[in-house]
Amino acid sequence: MSKTSFPLYDLHLHRLAKQSVQDMVDKAGKNGFECFGIVHNVAPWGIKTNDDLQKYINEVKDYPCLMGLQPAAPGWSKNLSRDLIDQVDYILMDPQYMPDGNKYGDQMEV
């Protein structure tokens, strides 16, 4: 149980190149988190292909944490396998690009 009077959860953590999943597990335990989730962006700067998604799943699946995706645009799943998507625990939609955002057909970045 956490050091607070309520359980601590954080489902919006991102890995850094200099921080391993094990580092995150250790830090979460040290800070009293009962549950945490690592999300990876589905975006031009993140997961773009099934190979990218499989790599992320393989990196996180054996650790005691949840695994999530954070898509940045509607239609994010069209290029990814449903079987792979079904292996993650949750999806945290965070649209940063909206098609026809300005009503003239341009994609709007927010």
C-alpha atoms as a PDB file:
ATOM      1  CA  MET A   1       0.000   0.000   0.000  1.00  0.00           C
ATOM      2  CA  SER A   2       1.146   3.524  -0.671  1.00  0.00           C
ATOM      3  CA  LYS A   3       2.342   5.933   1.990  1.00  0.00           C
ATOM      4  CA  THR A   4      -0.801   8.041   1.476  1.00  0.00           C
ATOM      5  CA  SER A   5      -4.297   7.274   2.708  1.00  0.00           C
ATOM      6  CA  PHE A   6      -5.362   6.464  -0.858  1.00  0.00           C
ATOM      7  CA  PRO A   7      -3.768   4.316  -3.555  1.00  0.00           C
ATOM      8  CA  LEU A   8      -1.472   6.096  -5.981  1.00  0.00           C
ATOM      9  CA  TYR A   9      -1.860   5.342  -9.687  1.00  0.00           C
ATOM     10  CA  ASP A  10      -0.158   6.992 -12.646  1.00  0.00           C
ATOM     11  CA  LEU A  11      -1.200   5.764 -16.080  1.00  0.00           C
ATOM     12  CA  HIS A  12       0.597   8.401 -18.117  1.00  0.00           C
ATOM     13  CA  LEU A  13       4.314   7.675 -17.914  1.00  0.00           C
ATOM     14  CA  HIS A  14       6.648   7.780 -20.898  1.00  0.00           C
ATOM     15  CA  ARG A  15      10.017   6.072 -21.137  1.00  0.00           C
ATOM     16  CA  LEU A  16      13.125   8.077 -21.760  1.00  0.00           C
ATOM     17  CA  ALA A  17      16.150   6.713 -23.604  1.00  0.00           C
ATOM     18  CA  LYS A  18      18.204   6.946 -20.400  1.00  0.00           C
ATOM     19  CA  GLN A  19      15.563   5.230 -18.223  1.00  0.00           C
ATOM     20  CA  SER A  20      14.779   1.525 -18.519  1.00  0.00           C
ATOM     21  CA  VAL A  21      11.452  -0.077 -17.698  1.00  0.00           C
ATOM     22  CA  GLN A  22      13.113  -1.627 -14.646  1.00  0.00           C
ATOM     23  CA  ASP A  23      14.210   1.864 -13.519  1.00  0.00           C
ATOM     24  CA  MET A  24      10.567   2.950 -13.754  1.00  0.00           C
ATOM     25  CA  VAL A  25       9.355  -0.098 -11.800  1.00  0.00           C
ATOM     26  CA  ASP A  26      11.918   0.590  -9.072  1.00  0.00           C
ATOM     27  CA  LYS A  27      11.036   4.283  -8.878  1.00  0.00           C
ATOM     28  CA  ALA A  28       7.290   3.594  -8.768  1.00  0.00           C
ATOM     29  CA  GLY A  29       7.757   1.128  -5.911  1.00  0.00           C
ATOM     30  CA  LYS A  30      10.029   3.510  -4.011  1.00  0.00           C
ATOM     31  CA  ASN A  31       7.441   6.278  -4.326  1.00  0.00           C
ATOM     32  CA  GLY A  32       4.514   4.144  -3.181  1.00  0.00           C
ATOM     33  CA  PHE A  33       2.632   3.676  -6.463  1.00  0.00           C
ATOM     34  CA  GLU A  34       0.319   0.672  -6.402  1.00  0.00           C
ATOM     35  CA  CYS A  35      -0.108   0.775 -10.141  1.00  0.00           C
ATOM     36  CA  PHE A  36       1.458   2.592 -13.033  1.00  0.00           C
ATOM     37  CA  GLY A  37       1.252   2.433 -16.784  1.00  0.00           C
ATOM     38  CA  ILE A  38       3.738   3.215 -19.495  1.00  0.00           C
ATOM     39  CA  VAL A  39       2.285   4.739 -22.639  1.00  0.00           C
ATOM     40  CA  HIS A  40       3.893   5.068 -26.032  1.00  0.00           C
ATOM     41  CA  ASN A  41       2.751   7.553 -28.640  1.00  0.00           C
ATOM     42  CA  VAL A  42       1.161   6.347 -31.859  1.00  0.00           C
ATOM     43  CA  ALA A  43       2.378   9.256 -33.938  1.00  0.00           C
ATOM     44  CA  PRO A  44       4.978  10.276 -36.519  1.00  0.00           C
ATOM     45  CA  TRP A  45       7.531  10.460 -33.661  1.00  0.00           C
ATOM     46  CA  GLY A  46       6.487   7.147 -32.067  1.00  0.00           C
ATOM     47  CA  ILE A  47       4.778   3.936 -33.095  1.00  0.00           C
ATOM     48  CA  LYS A  48       3.999   3.925 -36.821  1.00  0.00           C
ATOM     49  CA  THR A  49       4.078   0.259 -37.820  1.00  0.00           C
ATOM     50  CA  ASN A  50       3.279  -3.202 -36.491  1.00  0.00           C
ATOM     51  CA  ASP A  51       7.001  -3.756 -35.986  1.00  0.00           C
ATOM     52  CA  ASP A  52       7.185  -0.613 -33.806  1.00  0.00           C
ATOM     53  CA  LEU A  53       4.196  -1.783 -31.765  1.00  0.00           C
ATOM     54  CA  GLN A  54       5.584  -5.301 -31.355  1.00  0.00           C
ATOM     55  CA  LYS A  55       8.910  -3.875 -30.159  1.00  0.00           C
ATOM     56  CA  TYR A  56       7.131  -1.753 -27.527  1.00  0.00           C
ATOM     57  CA  ILE A  57       5.057  -4.742 -26.352  1.00  0.00           C
ATOM     58  CA  ASN A  58       8.179  -6.896 -26.072  1.00  0.00           C
ATOM     59  CA  GLU A  59       9.998  -4.202 -24.063  1.00  0.00           C
ATOM     60  CA  VAL A  60       7.215  -3.790 -21.470  1.00  0.00           C
ATOM     61  CA  LYS A  61       5.170  -7.019 -21.271  1.00  0.00           C
ATOM     62  CA  ASP A  62       7.266  -8.835 -18.651  1.00  0.00           C
ATOM     63  CA  TYR A  63       7.210  -6.003 -16.092  1.00  0.00           C
ATOM     64  CA  PRO A  64       4.630  -5.398 -13.328  1.00  0.00           C
ATOM     65  CA  CYS A  65       3.033  -2.379 -14.960  1.00  0.00           C
ATOM     66  CA  LEU A  66       0.254  -1.607 -17.389  1.00  0.00           C
ATOM     67  CA  MET A  67       0.981  -0.987 -21.052  1.00  0.00           C
ATOM     68  CA  GLY A  68      -0.837   1.734 -22.943  1.00  0.00           C
ATOM     69  CA  LEU A  69      -0.945   3.585 -26.211  1.00  0.00           C
ATOM     70  CA  GLN A  70      -1.345   7.323 -26.631  1.00  0.00           C
ATOM     71  CA  PRO A  71      -2.511   8.060 -30.187  1.00  0.00           C
ATOM     72  CA  ALA A  72      -2.057  11.606 -31.468  1.00  0.00           C
ATOM     73  CA  ALA A  73      -4.577  11.618 -34.323  1.00  0.00           C
ATOM     74  CA  PRO A  74      -7.932  10.120 -35.270  1.00  0.00           C
ATOM     75  CA  GLY A  75      -7.612   7.046 -37.478  1.00  0.00           C
ATOM     76  CA  TRP A  76      -4.459   5.977 -35.636  1.00  0.00           C
ATOM     77  CA  SER A  77      -5.283   2.263 -35.695  1.00  0.00           C
ATOM     78  CA  LYS A  78      -5.779   1.782 -39.436  1.00  0.00           C
ATOM     79  CA  ASN A  79      -2.151   0.757 -40.040  1.00  0.00           C
ATOM     80  CA  LEU A  80      -1.803  -1.454 -36.965  1.00  0.00           C
ATOM     81  CA  SER A  81      -2.800  -5.053 -36.369  1.00  0.00           C
ATOM     82  CA  ARG A  82      -5.875  -5.534 -34.195  1.00  0.00           C
ATOM     83  CA  ASP A  83      -4.166  -8.546 -32.589  1.00  0.00           C
ATOM     84  CA  LEU A  84      -1.271  -6.342 -31.466  1.00  0.00           C
ATOM     85  CA  ILE A  85      -3.526  -3.528 -30.269  1.00  0.00           C
ATOM     86  CA  ASP A  86      -5.470  -6.072 -28.197  1.00  0.00           C
ATOM     87  CA  GLN A  87      -2.280  -6.889 -26.278  1.00  0.00           C
ATOM     88  CA  VAL A  88      -2.074  -3.461 -24.627  1.00  0.00           C
ATOM     89  CA  ASP A  89      -4.031  -2.697 -21.463  1.00  0.00           C
ATOM     90  CA  TYR A  90      -5.487   0.700 -22.355  1.00  0.00           C
ATOM     91  CA  ILE A  91      -5.561   3.536 -24.862  1.00  0.00           C
ATOM     92  CA  LEU A  92      -5.204   7.116 -23.739  1.00  0.00           C
ATOM     93  CA  MET A  93      -6.435   9.171 -26.697  1.00  0.00           C
ATOM     94  CA  ASP A  94      -4.719  12.520 -26.938  1.00  0.00           C
ATOM     95  CA  PRO A  95      -5.541  13.994 -30.341  1.00  0.00           C
ATOM     96  CA  GLN A  96      -2.931  16.546 -31.301  1.00  0.00           C
ATOM     97  CA  TYR A  97      -3.770  16.554 -34.992  1.00  0.00           C
ATOM     98  CA  MET A  98      -7.324  17.028 -36.220  1.00  0.00           C
ATOM     99  CA  PRO A  99      -8.223  16.607 -39.888  1.00  0.00           C
ATOM    100  CA  ASP A 100     -10.136  19.533 -41.363  1.00  0.00           C
ATOM    101  CA  GLY A 101      -9.456  21.459 -38.169  1.00  0.00           C
ATOM    102  CA  ASN A 102      -9.796  24.796 -39.917  1.00  0.00           C
ATOM    103  CA  LYS A 103     -12.751  23.756 -42.130  1.00  0.00           C
ATOM    104  CA  TYR A 104     -10.605  24.185 -45.277  1.00  0.00           C
ATOM    105  CA  GLY A 105      -9.320  20.612 -45.384  1.00  0.00           C
ATOM    106  CA  ASP A 106      -6.011  21.305 -43.661  1.00  0.00           C
ATOM    107  CA  GLN A 107      -4.865  19.235 -40.731  1.00  0.00           C
ATOM    108  CA  MET A 108      -4.719  21.359 -37.606  1.00  0.00           C
ATOM    109  CA  GLU A 109      -1.992  20.829 -35.039  1.00  0.00           C
ATOM    110  CA  VAL A 110      -3.044  21.688 -31.501  1.00  0.00           C
END
